[in-house]
Amino acid sequence: MNFQIVVGSTTDLPAKLAEKSGLSVIPFIFTQDGKDYYNYLDNREISSKDFFAALREGKMASTTQITTYRYQEAWEPFLQEGKDILYLCLSSALSKSYEQSVMAAEEIMEKYPERRVITIDSKSASLGQGILAVYAAKMRDQGKSLDEVAAYIQRLIPRLQHWVMVDDLKHLKRGGRASGTAAFVGSMLGVKPVLTVVDDGRLVPKTKVRGKKNALQYIIDQMVEQKVKTKKQTICIVHGDTPELARQLQDMIIAKFGKCEFLISNIGPVIGAHAGPGAIATMFLGAKRVMN
């Protein structure tokens, strides 16, 4: 382990899995009802359940990007130990944090010229970003070098699918985190928007489907179209305080593809501020993403 893998808490990974994988996690900051919180994976300041309950009560939430100072503060202890850094960042199309990470890397490598800091735009979010970090950790533990792991992750990114159903688009629209939402606003009652992350990392609406079950079936159809090989990967499901919907999607995937390895987690407050309560998403490796 001559390098450290670092991610942000936007990975929405279970805290124990992040620890088991040897990941260093930078907590993003969010504000709800006028109070600032750190989005720790272990929910030490606020749980996802309490966060979404407050959203349902009408309490607004906003998020803040990571600064160059906070990146360097997180990286420097490892550089001082003689380790290089591999940082997997939230999609640059969803946050300016990637730009900050690039600037931070350039600056800190001037201070530690013998060390390397590689920052990768994951063009992913939530468990999509998280599963990339887990795969990177497995490669590192197999003895692969920093460059080998970075190249491997770059090959996976164009295949990493994100299919998302939200209860409505108001949170994404308000936060400006989804492109092309105008045509999807004002949907009839019971019609659920389904979105996907396209090849440049943007989150865009794909279709509108009547009812949650039909929306989940549409997601299953995309897995079939992508010729997903479920026995060779982990299928990720992440939800905005809707565990019963996550179990329903899991059961539908098993019914279609057979026994699978799953990673199921809660949407954290930073991603949840934009996805809203009731959202559900699945991430998996397929053929290739939708082109932008």
Protein backbone atom coordinates (compact mmCIF):
# COMPACT_ATOMS: atom_id res chain seq x y z
CA MET A 1 0.00 0.00 0.00
CA ASN A 2 2.33 2.71 -1.24
CA PHE A 3 -0.62 4.99 -2.00
CA GLN A 4 -3.78 6.08 -0.24
CA ILE A 5 -7.23 6.10 -1.87
CA VAL A 6 -9.24 9.14 -0.83
CA VAL A 7 -12.90 9.89 -1.58
CA GLY A 8 -15.57 12.32 -0.47
CA SER A 9 -18.59 11.35 1.61
CA THR A 10 -20.68 11.77 -1.56
CA THR A 11 -19.87 8.09 -2.16
CA ASP A 12 -22.72 7.17 0.24
CA LEU A 13 -20.80 4.02 1.18
CA PRO A 14 -21.61 2.23 4.43
CA ALA A 15 -19.03 3.46 6.94
CA LYS A 16 -17.84 -0.07 7.79
CA LEU A 17 -17.23 -0.91 4.13
CA ALA A 18 -15.22 2.29 3.61
CA GLU A 19 -13.12 1.42 6.66
CA LYS A 20 -12.70 -2.22 5.58
CA SER A 21 -11.57 -1.02 2.14
CA GLY A 22 -8.95 1.26 3.68
CA LEU A 23 -10.46 4.41 2.24
CA SER A 24 -9.87 7.87 3.63
CA VAL A 25 -13.13 9.84 3.45
CA ILE A 26 -13.44 13.63 3.36
CA PRO A 27 -16.82 14.68 4.79
CA PHE A 28 -18.65 17.21 2.63
CA ILE A 29 -20.54 20.03 4.35
CA PHE A 30 -24.24 20.75 3.96
CA THR A 31 -26.63 23.25 5.51
CA GLN A 32 -30.17 22.42 6.64
CA ASP A 33 -32.55 24.85 8.31
CA GLY A 34 -29.70 27.34 8.78
CA LYS A 35 -27.33 24.89 10.50
CA ASP A 36 -24.12 23.47 9.05
CA TYR A 37 -23.35 19.75 9.28
CA TYR A 38 -20.54 17.45 8.20
CA ASN A 39 -21.83 14.54 6.09
CA TYR A 40 -19.92 11.73 7.83
CA LEU A 41 -20.59 8.22 6.54
CA ASP A 42 -21.29 7.01 10.09
CA ASN A 43 -24.05 9.65 10.52
CA ARG A 44 -22.41 10.98 13.68
CA GLU A 45 -23.94 14.46 13.21
CA ILE A 46 -27.28 13.61 11.57
CA SER A 47 -28.76 10.43 10.13
CA SER A 48 -30.14 10.16 6.62
CA LYS A 49 -33.52 9.31 8.12
CA ASP A 50 -33.62 12.51 10.19
CA PHE A 51 -32.32 14.54 7.26
CA PHE A 52 -35.05 13.31 4.90
CA ALA A 53 -37.71 13.74 7.59
CA ALA A 54 -36.71 17.40 7.81
CA LEU A 55 -36.90 17.73 4.00
CA ARG A 56 -40.41 16.30 4.08
CA GLU A 57 -41.31 18.94 6.66
CA GLY A 58 -40.20 21.61 4.22
CA LYS A 59 -36.81 22.44 5.73
CA MET A 60 -34.42 23.43 2.92
CA ALA A 61 -30.94 22.02 2.44
CA SER A 62 -27.94 23.22 0.44
CA THR A 63 -24.42 21.91 -0.13
CA THR A 64 -20.88 23.27 -0.26
CA GLN A 65 -17.97 22.12 -2.40
CA ILE A 66 -14.64 21.01 -0.94
CA THR A 67 -11.97 23.73 -0.97
CA THR A 68 -8.34 23.33 -1.96
CA TYR A 69 -7.36 23.86 1.69
CA ARG A 70 -9.56 20.99 2.92
CA TYR A 71 -8.18 18.67 0.23
CA GLN A 72 -4.62 19.45 1.19
CA GLU A 73 -5.43 19.10 4.89
CA ALA A 74 -6.81 15.60 4.21
CA TRP A 75 -3.97 14.52 1.91
CA GLU A 76 -0.92 15.91 3.71
CA PRO A 77 -0.65 13.32 6.53
CA PHE A 78 -0.38 10.54 3.95
CA LEU A 79 2.16 12.45 1.87
CA GLN A 80 4.22 12.97 5.02
CA GLU A 81 4.14 9.19 5.54
CA GLY A 82 5.65 8.74 2.09
CA LYS A 83 2.43 7.66 0.38
CA ASP A 84 1.06 8.91 -2.92
CA ILE A 85 -2.64 9.81 -3.29
CA LEU A 86 -5.40 8.57 -5.59
CA TYR A 87 -8.44 10.81 -5.23
CA LEU A 88 -11.76 9.75 -6.81
CA CYS A 89 -13.95 12.81 -7.07
CA LEU A 90 -17.67 13.43 -7.47
CA SER A 91 -18.58 14.13 -11.11
CA SER A 92 -17.27 17.49 -12.32
CA ALA A 93 -20.62 17.99 -14.06
CA LEU A 94 -22.36 17.96 -10.67
CA SER A 95 -19.88 19.91 -8.54
CA LYS A 96 -16.90 22.25 -8.80
CA SER A 97 -15.08 20.07 -6.25
CA TYR A 98 -13.10 18.32 -9.00
CA GLU A 99 -11.65 21.63 -10.19
CA GLN A 100 -10.66 22.39 -6.60
CA SER A 101 -9.00 18.97 -6.28
CA VAL A 102 -6.89 19.54 -9.40
CA MET A 103 -5.68 22.90 -8.08
CA ALA A 104 -5.02 21.39 -4.67
CA ALA A 105 -2.99 18.56 -6.20
CA GLU A 106 -0.85 20.93 -8.25
CA GLU A 107 -0.11 23.09 -5.24
CA ILE A 108 0.68 20.32 -2.78
CA MET A 109 2.96 18.47 -5.22
CA GLU A 110 5.12 21.60 -5.28
CA LYS A 111 5.52 21.18 -1.52
CA TYR A 112 6.14 17.41 -1.85
CA PRO A 113 7.88 17.07 -5.24
CA GLU A 114 8.81 13.44 -4.56
CA ARG A 115 5.13 12.47 -4.12
CA ARG A 116 2.27 12.11 -6.61
CA VAL A 117 -1.39 13.05 -6.29
CA ILE A 118 -3.69 11.73 -9.02
CA THR A 119 -7.22 13.10 -9.06
CA ILE A 120 -9.85 11.32 -11.16
CA ASP A 121 -13.15 12.79 -12.25
CA SER A 122 -15.37 9.80 -11.55
CA LYS A 123 -18.21 11.28 -13.66
CA SER A 124 -20.29 9.45 -11.08
CA ALA A 125 -22.09 10.09 -7.81
CA SER A 126 -23.33 8.32 -4.69
CA LEU A 127 -22.71 4.55 -4.78
CA GLY A 128 -21.52 4.88 -8.38
CA GLN A 129 -18.56 6.85 -7.09
CA GLY A 130 -18.41 4.56 -4.07
CA ILE A 131 -18.22 1.28 -5.95
CA LEU A 132 -15.36 2.68 -8.06
CA ALA A 133 -13.46 3.32 -4.83
CA VAL A 134 -14.17 -0.22 -3.61
CA TYR A 135 -12.95 -1.69 -6.91
CA ALA A 136 -9.85 0.53 -6.70
CA ALA A 137 -9.15 -0.74 -3.16
CA LYS A 138 -9.41 -4.36 -4.31
CA MET A 139 -6.90 -3.71 -7.10
CA ARG A 140 -4.55 -1.97 -4.65
CA ASP A 141 -4.80 -4.93 -2.27
CA GLN A 142 -3.85 -7.24 -5.15
CA GLY A 143 -0.58 -5.33 -5.40
CA LYS A 144 -1.37 -3.14 -8.39
CA SER A 145 0.48 0.16 -8.68
CA LEU A 146 -1.01 3.64 -8.47
CA ASP A 147 -0.89 4.01 -12.26
CA GLU A 148 -2.40 0.57 -12.84
CA VAL A 149 -5.31 1.27 -10.48
CA ALA A 150 -5.91 4.73 -11.96
CA ALA A 151 -5.96 3.30 -15.49
CA TYR A 152 -8.34 0.52 -14.41
CA ILE A 153 -10.80 2.98 -12.90
CA GLN A 154 -10.68 5.17 -16.00
CA ARG A 155 -11.68 2.13 -18.08
CA LEU A 156 -14.63 1.37 -15.80
CA ILE A 157 -16.11 4.87 -15.74
CA PRO A 158 -17.63 4.83 -19.27
CA ARG A 159 -19.41 1.56 -18.41
CA LEU A 160 -20.72 2.57 -14.99
CA GLN A 161 -24.47 3.09 -15.25
CA HIS A 162 -26.60 5.25 -12.93
CA TRP A 163 -30.38 4.92 -13.22
CA VAL A 164 -32.35 7.11 -10.85
CA MET A 165 -36.04 7.48 -10.01
CA VAL A 166 -37.11 10.55 -8.04
CA ASP A 167 -40.47 11.39 -6.52
CA ASP A 168 -40.28 14.76 -8.23
CA LEU A 169 -37.67 17.05 -9.74
CA LYS A 170 -38.04 20.06 -7.45
CA HIS A 171 -34.88 19.35 -5.44
CA LEU A 172 -32.74 18.68 -8.53
CA LYS A 173 -34.21 21.68 -10.32
CA ARG A 174 -33.61 24.01 -7.38
CA GLY A 175 -30.01 22.84 -6.99
CA GLY A 176 -29.28 22.90 -10.73
CA ARG A 177 -27.97 19.33 -10.62
CA ALA A 178 -29.94 17.93 -13.56
CA SER A 179 -29.89 19.11 -17.16
CA GLY A 180 -33.04 19.41 -19.25
CA THR A 181 -35.53 19.27 -16.40
CA ALA A 182 -37.84 21.95 -17.78
CA ALA A 183 -39.76 19.52 -20.01
CA PHE A 184 -40.25 17.17 -17.05
CA VAL A 185 -41.66 19.71 -14.62
CA GLY A 186 -45.39 19.76 -13.98
CA SER A 187 -45.89 16.02 -14.41
CA MET A 188 -49.28 14.50 -13.66
CA LEU A 189 -49.81 12.94 -10.25
CA GLY A 190 -48.18 9.52 -10.00
CA VAL A 191 -45.80 10.03 -12.92
CA LYS A 192 -42.20 9.40 -11.86
CA PRO A 193 -39.15 10.87 -13.65
CA VAL A 194 -36.32 8.45 -14.43
CA LEU A 195 -32.88 9.96 -14.97
CA THR A 196 -29.47 8.67 -15.99
CA VAL A 197 -25.86 9.84 -15.83
CA VAL A 198 -24.56 10.33 -19.36
CA ASP A 199 -21.01 9.92 -20.60
CA ASP A 200 -19.79 13.36 -19.50
CA GLY A 201 -21.11 12.87 -15.97
CA ARG A 202 -24.26 14.98 -16.20
CA LEU A 203 -27.54 13.76 -14.71
CA VAL A 204 -30.29 14.05 -17.31
CA PRO A 205 -33.97 13.02 -17.44
CA LYS A 206 -34.55 9.99 -19.63
CA THR A 207 -38.28 9.28 -19.40
CA LYS A 208 -41.45 9.66 -17.30
CA VAL A 209 -43.26 6.54 -16.12
CA ARG A 210 -46.59 6.21 -14.35
CA GLY A 211 -46.14 4.62 -10.94
CA LYS A 212 -43.09 3.52 -8.97
CA LYS A 213 -43.32 -0.14 -9.99
CA ASN A 214 -43.29 0.77 -13.69
CA ALA A 215 -40.35 3.10 -13.07
CA LEU A 216 -38.42 0.26 -11.44
CA GLN A 217 -39.33 -2.04 -14.34
CA TYR A 218 -37.97 0.56 -16.75
CA ILE A 219 -34.67 0.44 -14.83
CA ILE A 220 -34.64 -3.37 -15.07
CA ASP A 221 -35.21 -3.04 -18.83
CA GLN A 222 -32.13 -0.85 -19.07
CA MET A 223 -30.09 -3.54 -17.32
CA VAL A 224 -31.30 -6.06 -19.89
CA GLU A 225 -30.47 -3.69 -22.74
CA GLN A 226 -26.99 -3.19 -21.29
CA LYS A 227 -26.44 -6.98 -21.22
CA VAL A 228 -25.47 -6.81 -17.56
CA LYS A 229 -23.43 -9.72 -16.23
CA THR A 230 -24.58 -9.78 -12.63
CA LYS A 231 -22.33 -12.63 -11.51
CA LYS A 232 -19.17 -10.65 -12.22
CA GLN A 233 -19.94 -7.46 -10.33
CA THR A 234 -21.70 -5.83 -7.39
CA ILE A 235 -25.12 -4.30 -8.08
CA CYS A 236 -25.59 -1.09 -6.10
CA ILE A 237 -28.92 0.19 -4.80
CA VAL A 238 -29.18 3.46 -2.91
CA HIS A 239 -32.34 5.07 -1.58
CA GLY A 240 -33.66 8.24 0.03
CA ASP A 241 -35.25 6.79 3.18
CA THR A 242 -37.31 4.24 1.21
CA PRO A 243 -35.88 0.84 2.29
CA GLU A 244 -39.03 -0.99 1.17
CA LEU A 245 -38.56 0.36 -2.37
CA ALA A 246 -34.93 -0.77 -2.31
CA ARG A 247 -36.02 -4.28 -1.33
CA GLN A 248 -38.60 -4.26 -4.13
CA LEU A 249 -35.97 -3.30 -6.69
CA GLN A 250 -33.60 -5.93 -5.30
CA ASP A 251 -36.29 -8.61 -5.62
CA MET A 252 -37.03 -7.55 -9.19
CA ILE A 253 -33.37 -7.76 -10.15
CA ILE A 254 -33.04 -11.23 -8.60
CA ALA A 255 -36.21 -12.38 -10.38
CA LYS A 256 -34.76 -11.27 -13.71
CA PHE A 257 -31.07 -12.10 -13.34
CA GLY A 258 -30.87 -14.66 -10.56
CA LYS A 259 -28.74 -14.45 -7.42
CA CYS A 260 -26.57 -11.32 -7.34
CA GLU A 261 -24.12 -9.62 -5.02
CA PHE A 262 -25.70 -6.38 -3.79
CA LEU A 263 -24.48 -3.24 -2.05
CA ILE A 264 -27.46 -1.39 -0.58
CA SER A 265 -27.12 1.91 1.25
CA ASN A 266 -28.85 5.14 2.17
CA ILE A 267 -28.49 8.29 0.12
CA GLY A 268 -26.49 10.67 2.30
CA PRO A 269 -27.51 14.26 3.00
CA VAL A 270 -25.24 15.89 0.39
CA ILE A 271 -26.62 13.82 -2.48
CA GLY A 272 -30.04 13.74 -0.80
CA ALA A 273 -30.28 17.53 -0.78
CA HIS A 274 -30.59 17.30 -4.57
CA ALA A 275 -32.30 13.92 -5.05
CA GLY A 276 -34.93 14.48 -2.36
CA PRO A 277 -36.81 11.95 -0.22
CA GLY A 278 -38.23 8.92 -1.99
CA ALA A 279 -35.46 8.73 -4.58
CA ILE A 280 -33.96 5.38 -5.52
CA ALA A 281 -31.09 4.51 -7.83
CA THR A 282 -29.13 1.54 -9.05
CA MET A 283 -25.57 1.55 -10.32
CA PHE A 284 -23.97 -1.28 -12.28
CA LEU A 285 -21.41 -1.98 -14.99
CA GLY A 286 -22.96 -2.29 -18.43
CA ALA A 287 -21.87 -1.90 -22.04
CA LYS A 288 -21.59 1.90 -22.17
CA ARG A 289 -23.35 4.97 -20.90
CA VAL A 290 -25.89 7.01 -22.82
CA MET A 291 -24.10 9.62 -24.92
CA ASN A 292 -24.71 13.23 -23.96
